[in-house]
Amino acid sequence: MQIMSKLTSKQEQFCRNVAINGMNQTDAFMSAYGYKTVSRSITANASKLATQNTKVMTRIAELKQRSLEKAEQSGLIMNAHDRRVTLSSIILNADRDRDKISAIVELSKLENDYNFQVETVNLVELKTFSTSELRLMIQQARAIDGEVVP
């Protein structure tokens, strides 16, 4: 418990979100720090917190170990990895399409595939770009979305 006292309450919540709730780093960071929309800086800060802060890294490992021990003792609780494996197995092996679709939906929820975030752009910021730069950005965005770009 010595490490826990050295963490801020937000860092502790981040650790719990990752280790116990099975959230990815970005979602765990946004939840702990109260952000509503994802941005590059949030993703970078989440990654930095999880991979460069030794107190946080140690706490996540400690919480994961405790969670694993509890799951093994009870035999009733599945951790996030076990849920992913089970759902994937259902998708691959279920006889009924309805079961496969249900497993796909649940796995998608677990992976946060339904949480689409739209990054907003300040219009004043756009005025700093030339017309050719804006066209290039639009072409790049279309290419990312799979559109054929002329």
N, C-alpha and C. Protein backbone atom coordinates (compact mmCIF):
# COMPACT_ATOMS: atom_id res chain seq x y z
N MET A 1 0.81 -1.20 0.00
CA MET A 1 0.00 0.00 0.00
C MET A 1 0.85 1.26 0.00
N GLN A 2 2.11 1.15 0.19
CA GLN A 2 2.99 2.30 0.22
C GLN A 2 2.97 3.06 -1.10
N ILE A 3 2.94 2.33 -2.21
CA ILE A 3 2.94 2.96 -3.52
C ILE A 3 1.64 3.74 -3.75
N MET A 4 0.51 3.17 -3.33
CA MET A 4 -0.77 3.82 -3.54
C MET A 4 -0.79 5.21 -2.92
N SER A 5 -0.18 5.39 -1.74
CA SER A 5 -0.20 6.69 -1.08
C SER A 5 0.60 7.73 -1.84
N LYS A 6 1.50 7.32 -2.71
CA LYS A 6 2.32 8.25 -3.47
C LYS A 6 1.64 8.68 -4.77
N LEU A 7 0.56 8.03 -5.13
CA LEU A 7 -0.14 8.39 -6.36
C LEU A 7 -1.22 9.41 -6.06
N THR A 8 -1.51 10.26 -7.05
CA THR A 8 -2.65 11.16 -6.92
C THR A 8 -3.92 10.32 -7.07
N SER A 9 -5.05 10.88 -6.70
CA SER A 9 -6.30 10.13 -6.84
C SER A 9 -6.60 9.84 -8.32
N LYS A 10 -6.24 10.75 -9.20
CA LYS A 10 -6.46 10.53 -10.63
C LYS A 10 -5.54 9.45 -11.17
N GLN A 11 -4.30 9.43 -10.72
CA GLN A 11 -3.37 8.37 -11.13
C GLN A 11 -3.87 7.01 -10.64
N GLU A 12 -4.36 6.97 -9.40
CA GLU A 12 -4.89 5.72 -8.85
C GLU A 12 -6.08 5.24 -9.67
N GLN A 13 -6.98 6.17 -10.03
CA GLN A 13 -8.15 5.79 -10.83
C GLN A 13 -7.70 5.29 -12.20
N PHE A 14 -6.72 5.94 -12.80
CA PHE A 14 -6.16 5.50 -14.08
C PHE A 14 -5.67 4.06 -13.95
N CYS A 15 -4.91 3.78 -12.90
CA CYS A 15 -4.39 2.43 -12.68
C CYS A 15 -5.52 1.42 -12.54
N ARG A 16 -6.54 1.76 -11.80
CA ARG A 16 -7.68 0.86 -11.60
C ARG A 16 -8.44 0.65 -12.92
N ASN A 17 -8.58 1.71 -13.69
CA ASN A 17 -9.26 1.58 -14.98
C ASN A 17 -8.52 0.61 -15.89
N VAL A 18 -7.20 0.69 -15.91
CA VAL A 18 -6.40 -0.20 -16.77
C VAL A 18 -6.38 -1.62 -16.21
N ALA A 19 -6.02 -1.74 -14.94
CA ALA A 19 -5.78 -3.07 -14.36
C ALA A 19 -7.04 -3.85 -14.03
N ILE A 20 -8.04 -3.18 -13.51
CA ILE A 20 -9.23 -3.88 -13.04
C ILE A 20 -10.37 -3.82 -14.06
N ASN A 21 -10.58 -2.64 -14.63
CA ASN A 21 -11.70 -2.47 -15.56
C ASN A 21 -11.36 -2.85 -16.99
N GLY A 22 -10.09 -3.13 -17.27
CA GLY A 22 -9.69 -3.59 -18.60
C GLY A 22 -9.75 -2.52 -19.67
N MET A 23 -9.72 -1.25 -19.28
CA MET A 23 -9.75 -0.17 -20.28
C MET A 23 -8.39 -0.02 -20.95
N ASN A 24 -8.40 0.47 -22.19
CA ASN A 24 -7.13 0.82 -22.81
C ASN A 24 -6.62 2.10 -22.16
N GLN A 25 -5.36 2.45 -22.42
CA GLN A 25 -4.73 3.58 -21.75
C GLN A 25 -5.48 4.89 -21.99
N THR A 26 -5.88 5.13 -23.23
CA THR A 26 -6.54 6.40 -23.55
C THR A 26 -7.88 6.52 -22.83
N ASP A 27 -8.70 5.48 -22.90
CA ASP A 27 -10.00 5.52 -22.23
C ASP A 27 -9.84 5.63 -20.72
N ALA A 28 -8.85 4.93 -20.17
CA ALA A 28 -8.60 4.98 -18.73
C ALA A 28 -8.19 6.39 -18.31
N PHE A 29 -7.36 7.03 -19.11
CA PHE A 29 -6.90 8.39 -18.83
C PHE A 29 -8.07 9.37 -18.90
N MET A 30 -8.86 9.25 -19.98
CA MET A 30 -10.00 10.16 -20.15
C MET A 30 -10.99 10.03 -19.00
N SER A 31 -11.27 8.81 -18.58
CA SER A 31 -12.19 8.59 -17.47
C SER A 31 -11.64 9.14 -16.16
N ALA A 32 -10.39 8.88 -15.88
CA ALA A 32 -9.78 9.31 -14.62
C ALA A 32 -9.63 10.82 -14.53
N TYR A 33 -9.32 11.44 -15.66
CA TYR A 33 -9.05 12.87 -15.66
C TYR A 33 -10.23 13.72 -16.14
N GLY A 34 -11.34 13.07 -16.48
CA GLY A 34 -12.57 13.80 -16.80
C GLY A 34 -12.65 14.38 -18.20
N TYR A 35 -11.91 13.81 -19.15
CA TYR A 35 -11.99 14.29 -20.53
C TYR A 35 -13.14 13.60 -21.26
N LYS A 36 -13.76 14.31 -22.19
CA LYS A 36 -14.90 13.77 -22.93
C LYS A 36 -14.54 13.35 -24.35
N THR A 37 -13.58 14.03 -24.97
CA THR A 37 -13.20 13.71 -26.34
C THR A 37 -11.71 13.43 -26.41
N VAL A 38 -11.36 12.50 -27.26
CA VAL A 38 -9.98 12.09 -27.39
C VAL A 38 -9.22 13.08 -28.28
N SER A 39 -7.95 13.25 -27.97
CA SER A 39 -7.08 14.07 -28.80
C SER A 39 -5.69 13.43 -28.79
N ARG A 40 -4.84 13.90 -29.66
CA ARG A 40 -3.47 13.35 -29.71
C ARG A 40 -2.75 13.56 -28.39
N SER A 41 -2.94 14.72 -27.77
CA SER A 41 -2.25 15.00 -26.52
C SER A 41 -2.74 14.08 -25.40
N ILE A 42 -4.03 13.77 -25.39
CA ILE A 42 -4.56 12.85 -24.38
C ILE A 42 -3.98 11.46 -24.59
N THR A 43 -3.95 11.01 -25.83
CA THR A 43 -3.37 9.69 -26.13
C THR A 43 -1.90 9.65 -25.72
N ALA A 44 -1.17 10.72 -26.03
CA ALA A 44 0.26 10.78 -25.68
C ALA A 44 0.45 10.80 -24.16
N ASN A 45 -0.36 11.58 -23.46
CA ASN A 45 -0.25 11.66 -22.00
C ASN A 45 -0.60 10.33 -21.35
N ALA A 46 -1.60 9.66 -21.88
CA ALA A 46 -2.00 8.35 -21.35
C ALA A 46 -0.87 7.34 -21.51
N SER A 47 -0.28 7.33 -22.69
CA SER A 47 0.82 6.41 -22.95
C SER A 47 2.02 6.72 -22.07
N LYS A 48 2.32 7.99 -21.95
CA LYS A 48 3.46 8.40 -21.11
C LYS A 48 3.23 8.00 -19.65
N LEU A 49 2.01 8.22 -19.16
CA LEU A 49 1.70 7.88 -17.78
C LEU A 49 1.86 6.38 -17.54
N ALA A 50 1.40 5.58 -18.50
CA ALA A 50 1.42 4.12 -18.33
C ALA A 50 2.79 3.49 -18.57
N THR A 51 3.65 4.17 -19.32
CA THR A 51 4.91 3.53 -19.70
C THR A 51 6.16 4.22 -19.15
N GLN A 52 6.00 5.43 -18.61
CA GLN A 52 7.19 6.14 -18.13
C GLN A 52 7.14 6.50 -16.65
N ASN A 53 5.99 6.40 -16.04
CA ASN A 53 5.85 6.70 -14.62
C ASN A 53 5.98 5.39 -13.85
N THR A 54 7.11 5.20 -13.18
CA THR A 54 7.36 3.91 -12.53
C THR A 54 6.37 3.62 -11.41
N LYS A 55 5.91 4.64 -10.70
CA LYS A 55 4.91 4.41 -9.65
C LYS A 55 3.61 3.89 -10.25
N VAL A 56 3.21 4.47 -11.36
CA VAL A 56 1.98 4.03 -12.03
C VAL A 56 2.15 2.62 -12.59
N MET A 57 3.28 2.38 -13.23
CA MET A 57 3.55 1.05 -13.80
C MET A 57 3.51 -0.02 -12.70
N THR A 58 4.13 0.28 -11.57
CA THR A 58 4.17 -0.66 -10.45
C THR A 58 2.77 -0.91 -9.90
N ARG A 59 1.99 0.17 -9.77
CA ARG A 59 0.63 0.03 -9.23
C ARG A 59 -0.26 -0.78 -10.16
N ILE A 60 -0.14 -0.55 -11.47
CA ILE A 60 -0.94 -1.32 -12.43
C ILE A 60 -0.58 -2.80 -12.32
N ALA A 61 0.70 -3.10 -12.25
CA ALA A 61 1.14 -4.50 -12.12
C ALA A 61 0.60 -5.11 -10.83
N GLU A 62 0.64 -4.33 -9.74
CA GLU A 62 0.14 -4.82 -8.46
C GLU A 62 -1.36 -5.11 -8.52
N LEU A 63 -2.12 -4.19 -9.10
CA LEU A 63 -3.56 -4.38 -9.21
C LEU A 63 -3.91 -5.55 -10.13
N LYS A 64 -3.19 -5.69 -11.23
CA LYS A 64 -3.44 -6.82 -12.14
C LYS A 64 -3.17 -8.13 -11.44
N GLN A 65 -2.08 -8.18 -10.66
CA GLN A 65 -1.74 -9.41 -9.94
C GLN A 65 -2.83 -9.75 -8.92
N ARG A 66 -3.28 -8.75 -8.18
CA ARG A 66 -4.36 -8.99 -7.21
C ARG A 66 -5.63 -9.47 -7.89
N SER A 67 -5.95 -8.83 -9.00
CA SER A 67 -7.15 -9.20 -9.75
C SER A 67 -7.04 -10.64 -10.25
N LEU A 68 -5.88 -10.99 -10.77
CA LEU A 68 -5.65 -12.35 -11.25
C LEU A 68 -5.76 -13.36 -10.11
N GLU A 69 -5.19 -13.04 -8.97
CA GLU A 69 -5.26 -13.94 -7.82
C GLU A 69 -6.71 -14.15 -7.36
N LYS A 70 -7.47 -13.05 -7.32
CA LYS A 70 -8.88 -13.16 -6.92
C LYS A 70 -9.67 -14.00 -7.91
N ALA A 71 -9.40 -13.78 -9.19
CA ALA A 71 -10.11 -14.53 -10.22
C ALA A 71 -9.78 -16.02 -10.12
N GLU A 72 -8.51 -16.33 -9.90
CA GLU A 72 -8.11 -17.72 -9.79
C GLU A 72 -8.71 -18.38 -8.56
N GLN A 73 -8.77 -17.64 -7.45
CA GLN A 73 -9.33 -18.19 -6.21
C GLN A 73 -10.83 -18.45 -6.34
N SER A 74 -11.54 -17.52 -6.93
CA SER A 74 -13.00 -17.67 -7.00
C SER A 74 -13.42 -18.59 -8.13
N GLY A 75 -12.68 -18.57 -9.22
CA GLY A 75 -13.05 -19.36 -10.38
C GLY A 75 -14.27 -18.84 -11.10
N LEU A 76 -14.82 -17.73 -10.62
CA LEU A 76 -16.04 -17.19 -11.20
C LEU A 76 -15.82 -15.91 -12.00
N ILE A 77 -14.74 -15.23 -11.73
CA ILE A 77 -14.51 -13.92 -12.35
C ILE A 77 -13.52 -14.05 -13.49
N MET A 78 -13.88 -13.50 -14.63
CA MET A 78 -12.98 -13.49 -15.78
C MET A 78 -12.35 -12.11 -15.90
N ASN A 79 -11.06 -12.08 -16.16
CA ASN A 79 -10.44 -10.79 -16.41
C ASN A 79 -10.72 -10.40 -17.87
N ALA A 80 -10.32 -9.20 -18.26
CA ALA A 80 -10.63 -8.69 -19.60
C ALA A 80 -10.04 -9.60 -20.69
N HIS A 81 -8.85 -10.10 -20.48
CA HIS A 81 -8.22 -10.98 -21.48
C HIS A 81 -9.03 -12.26 -21.64
N ASP A 82 -9.43 -12.85 -20.52
CA ASP A 82 -10.22 -14.08 -20.58
C ASP A 82 -11.56 -13.86 -21.28
N ARG A 83 -12.18 -12.70 -21.05
CA ARG A 83 -13.44 -12.40 -21.72
C ARG A 83 -13.22 -12.29 -23.23
N ARG A 84 -12.13 -11.66 -23.63
CA ARG A 84 -11.82 -11.53 -25.07
C ARG A 84 -11.61 -12.91 -25.70
N VAL A 85 -10.88 -13.77 -25.01
CA VAL A 85 -10.60 -15.11 -25.53
C VAL A 85 -11.90 -15.90 -25.65
N THR A 86 -12.75 -15.84 -24.64
CA THR A 86 -14.01 -16.57 -24.65
C THR A 86 -14.92 -16.08 -25.77
N LEU A 87 -15.05 -14.76 -25.90
CA LEU A 87 -15.91 -14.21 -26.96
C LEU A 87 -15.37 -14.56 -28.34
N SER A 88 -14.05 -14.51 -28.50
CA SER A 88 -13.46 -14.89 -29.78
C SER A 88 -13.73 -16.35 -30.10
N SER A 89 -13.66 -17.20 -29.10
CA SER A 89 -13.94 -18.62 -29.29
C SER A 89 -15.40 -18.83 -29.71
N ILE A 90 -16.32 -18.10 -29.10
CA ILE A 90 -17.73 -18.21 -29.48
C ILE A 90 -17.92 -17.78 -30.93
N ILE A 91 -17.26 -16.69 -31.31
CA ILE A 91 -17.37 -16.20 -32.69
C ILE A 91 -16.91 -17.27 -33.67
N LEU A 92 -15.83 -17.93 -33.35
CA LEU A 92 -15.26 -18.92 -34.26
C LEU A 92 -16.00 -20.25 -34.25
N ASN A 93 -16.61 -20.61 -33.13
CA ASN A 93 -17.14 -21.97 -32.99
C ASN A 93 -18.65 -22.10 -32.84
N ALA A 94 -19.36 -21.00 -32.67
CA ALA A 94 -20.81 -21.10 -32.45
C ALA A 94 -21.52 -21.64 -33.69
N ASP A 95 -22.54 -22.44 -33.46
CA ASP A 95 -23.31 -23.01 -34.56
C ASP A 95 -24.35 -22.03 -35.09
N ARG A 96 -24.92 -21.24 -34.21
CA ARG A 96 -25.97 -20.32 -34.63
C ARG A 96 -25.39 -18.93 -34.91
N ASP A 97 -25.84 -18.33 -36.01
CA ASP A 97 -25.39 -16.99 -36.37
C ASP A 97 -25.73 -15.97 -35.29
N ARG A 98 -26.89 -16.17 -34.66
CA ARG A 98 -27.32 -15.25 -33.60
C ARG A 98 -26.30 -15.21 -32.47
N ASP A 99 -25.75 -16.37 -32.11
CA ASP A 99 -24.73 -16.44 -31.05
C ASP A 99 -23.44 -15.74 -31.48
N LYS A 100 -23.07 -15.95 -32.73
CA LYS A 100 -21.87 -15.30 -33.26
C LYS A 100 -22.02 -13.79 -33.25
N ILE A 101 -23.17 -13.32 -33.71
CA ILE A 101 -23.42 -11.88 -33.77
C ILE A 101 -23.42 -11.28 -32.36
N SER A 102 -24.04 -11.96 -31.43
CA SER A 102 -24.06 -11.47 -30.04
C SER A 102 -22.64 -11.38 -29.49
N ALA A 103 -21.83 -12.38 -29.77
CA ALA A 103 -20.44 -12.36 -29.29
C ALA A 103 -19.64 -11.24 -29.95
N ILE A 104 -19.88 -11.01 -31.24
CA ILE A 104 -19.21 -9.92 -31.94
C ILE A 104 -19.58 -8.57 -31.32
N VAL A 105 -20.86 -8.39 -31.04
CA VAL A 105 -21.33 -7.15 -30.42
C VAL A 105 -20.66 -6.94 -29.06
N GLU A 106 -20.64 -7.99 -28.24
CA GLU A 106 -20.05 -7.86 -26.90
C GLU A 106 -18.55 -7.62 -26.98
N LEU A 107 -17.87 -8.30 -27.90
CA LEU A 107 -16.44 -8.08 -28.06
C LEU A 107 -16.15 -6.66 -28.55
N SER A 108 -16.99 -6.17 -29.44
CA SER A 108 -16.83 -4.80 -29.92
C SER A 108 -17.02 -3.79 -28.80
N LYS A 109 -17.97 -4.05 -27.92
CA LYS A 109 -18.17 -3.17 -26.76
C LYS A 109 -16.95 -3.22 -25.85
N LEU A 110 -16.43 -4.42 -25.62
CA LEU A 110 -15.27 -4.59 -24.77
C LEU A 110 -14.05 -3.87 -25.34
N GLU A 111 -13.93 -3.88 -26.65
CA GLU A 111 -12.81 -3.24 -27.33
C GLU A 111 -13.06 -1.76 -27.60
N ASN A 112 -14.21 -1.25 -27.17
CA ASN A 112 -14.59 0.15 -27.38
C ASN A 112 -14.70 0.52 -28.85
N ASP A 113 -15.09 -0.42 -29.69
CA ASP A 113 -15.25 -0.14 -31.11
C ASP A 113 -16.45 0.77 -31.38
N TYR A 114 -17.36 0.87 -30.41
CA TYR A 114 -18.53 1.71 -30.62
C TYR A 114 -18.32 3.14 -30.17
N ASN A 115 -17.19 3.44 -29.59
CA ASN A 115 -16.92 4.78 -29.08
C ASN A 115 -16.14 5.59 -30.11
N PHE A 116 -16.83 6.07 -31.09
CA PHE A 116 -16.19 6.88 -32.11
C PHE A 116 -16.06 8.30 -31.60
N GLN A 117 -14.89 8.85 -31.74
CA GLN A 117 -14.65 10.22 -31.31
C GLN A 117 -14.35 11.07 -32.54
N VAL A 118 -14.90 12.25 -32.56
CA VAL A 118 -14.65 13.17 -33.66
C VAL A 118 -13.81 14.31 -33.11
N GLU A 119 -12.68 14.53 -33.75
CA GLU A 119 -11.81 15.61 -33.31
C GLU A 119 -12.28 16.90 -33.96
N THR A 120 -12.51 17.90 -33.15
CA THR A 120 -12.97 19.18 -33.67
C THR A 120 -11.79 20.05 -34.05
N VAL A 121 -12.01 20.94 -35.00
CA VAL A 121 -10.96 21.82 -35.47
C VAL A 121 -11.44 23.25 -35.30
N ASN A 122 -10.59 24.06 -34.76
CA ASN A 122 -10.89 25.47 -34.60
C ASN A 122 -10.85 26.15 -35.97
N LEU A 123 -11.91 26.85 -36.35
CA LEU A 123 -11.95 27.50 -37.66
C LEU A 123 -10.86 28.54 -37.83
N VAL A 124 -10.51 29.20 -36.77
CA VAL A 124 -9.42 30.19 -36.85
C VAL A 124 -8.13 29.48 -37.24
N GLU A 125 -7.95 28.27 -36.72
CA GLU A 125 -6.78 27.47 -37.04
C GLU A 125 -6.72 27.15 -38.53
N LEU A 126 -7.86 26.86 -39.13
CA LEU A 126 -7.91 26.52 -40.55
C LEU A 126 -7.48 27.68 -41.43
N LYS A 127 -7.72 28.89 -40.99
CA LYS A 127 -7.35 30.06 -41.78
C LYS A 127 -5.84 30.19 -41.95
N THR A 128 -5.08 29.49 -41.13
CA THR A 128 -3.62 29.57 -41.24
C THR A 128 -3.07 28.70 -42.37
N PHE A 129 -3.91 27.81 -42.91
CA PHE A 129 -3.47 26.92 -43.97
C PHE A 129 -3.81 27.50 -45.34
N SER A 130 -2.95 27.21 -46.32
CA SER A 130 -3.24 27.63 -47.69
C SER A 130 -4.28 26.69 -48.29
N THR A 131 -4.85 27.07 -49.41
CA THR A 131 -5.84 26.24 -50.09
C THR A 131 -5.25 24.90 -50.47
N SER A 132 -4.03 24.89 -50.96
CA SER A 132 -3.41 23.63 -51.36
C SER A 132 -3.14 22.73 -50.15
N GLU A 133 -2.80 23.32 -49.02
CA GLU A 133 -2.59 22.53 -47.80
C GLU A 133 -3.91 21.91 -47.33
N LEU A 134 -4.99 22.69 -47.40
CA LEU A 134 -6.30 22.17 -47.02
C LEU A 134 -6.75 21.04 -47.93
N ARG A 135 -6.53 21.21 -49.26
CA ARG A 135 -6.87 20.14 -50.20
C ARG A 135 -6.10 18.86 -49.89
N LEU A 136 -4.82 19.01 -49.57
CA LEU A 136 -3.98 17.86 -49.24
C LEU A 136 -4.51 17.16 -47.99
N MET A 137 -4.91 17.92 -46.97
CA MET A 137 -5.44 17.32 -45.75
C MET A 137 -6.74 16.56 -46.03
N ILE A 138 -7.59 17.12 -46.89
CA ILE A 138 -8.84 16.44 -47.25
C ILE A 138 -8.54 15.15 -48.00
N GLN A 139 -7.59 15.19 -48.92
CA GLN A 139 -7.21 13.97 -49.66
C GLN A 139 -6.67 12.90 -48.71
N GLN A 140 -5.85 13.32 -47.75
CA GLN A 140 -5.29 12.37 -46.80
C GLN A 140 -6.40 11.76 -45.94
N ALA A 141 -7.35 12.57 -45.52
CA ALA A 141 -8.46 12.06 -44.71
C ALA A 141 -9.30 11.08 -45.52
N ARG A 142 -9.55 11.38 -46.76
CA ARG A 142 -10.32 10.47 -47.61
C ARG A 142 -9.57 9.16 -47.82
N ALA A 143 -8.27 9.24 -48.01
CA ALA A 143 -7.46 8.03 -48.20
C ALA A 143 -7.50 7.16 -46.95
N ILE A 144 -7.47 7.77 -45.78
CA ILE A 144 -7.55 7.02 -44.51
C ILE A 144 -8.89 6.31 -44.43
N ASP A 145 -9.94 6.95 -44.88
CA ASP A 145 -11.28 6.36 -44.84
C ASP A 145 -11.50 5.33 -45.95
N GLY A 146 -10.50 5.11 -46.79
CA GLY A 146 -10.61 4.09 -47.83
C GLY A 146 -11.15 4.58 -49.15
N GLU A 147 -11.33 5.87 -49.28
CA GLU A 147 -11.82 6.41 -50.55
C GLU A 147 -10.67 6.45 -51.55
N VAL A 148 -11.02 6.30 -52.82
CA VAL A 148 -10.03 6.46 -53.88
C VAL A 148 -9.86 7.95 -54.10
N VAL A 149 -8.64 8.41 -53.95
CA VAL A 149 -8.36 9.85 -54.05
C VAL A 149 -7.72 10.13 -55.42
N PRO A 150 -8.32 11.08 -56.19
CA PRO A 150 -7.76 11.40 -57.50
C PRO A 150 -6.43 12.10 -57.41
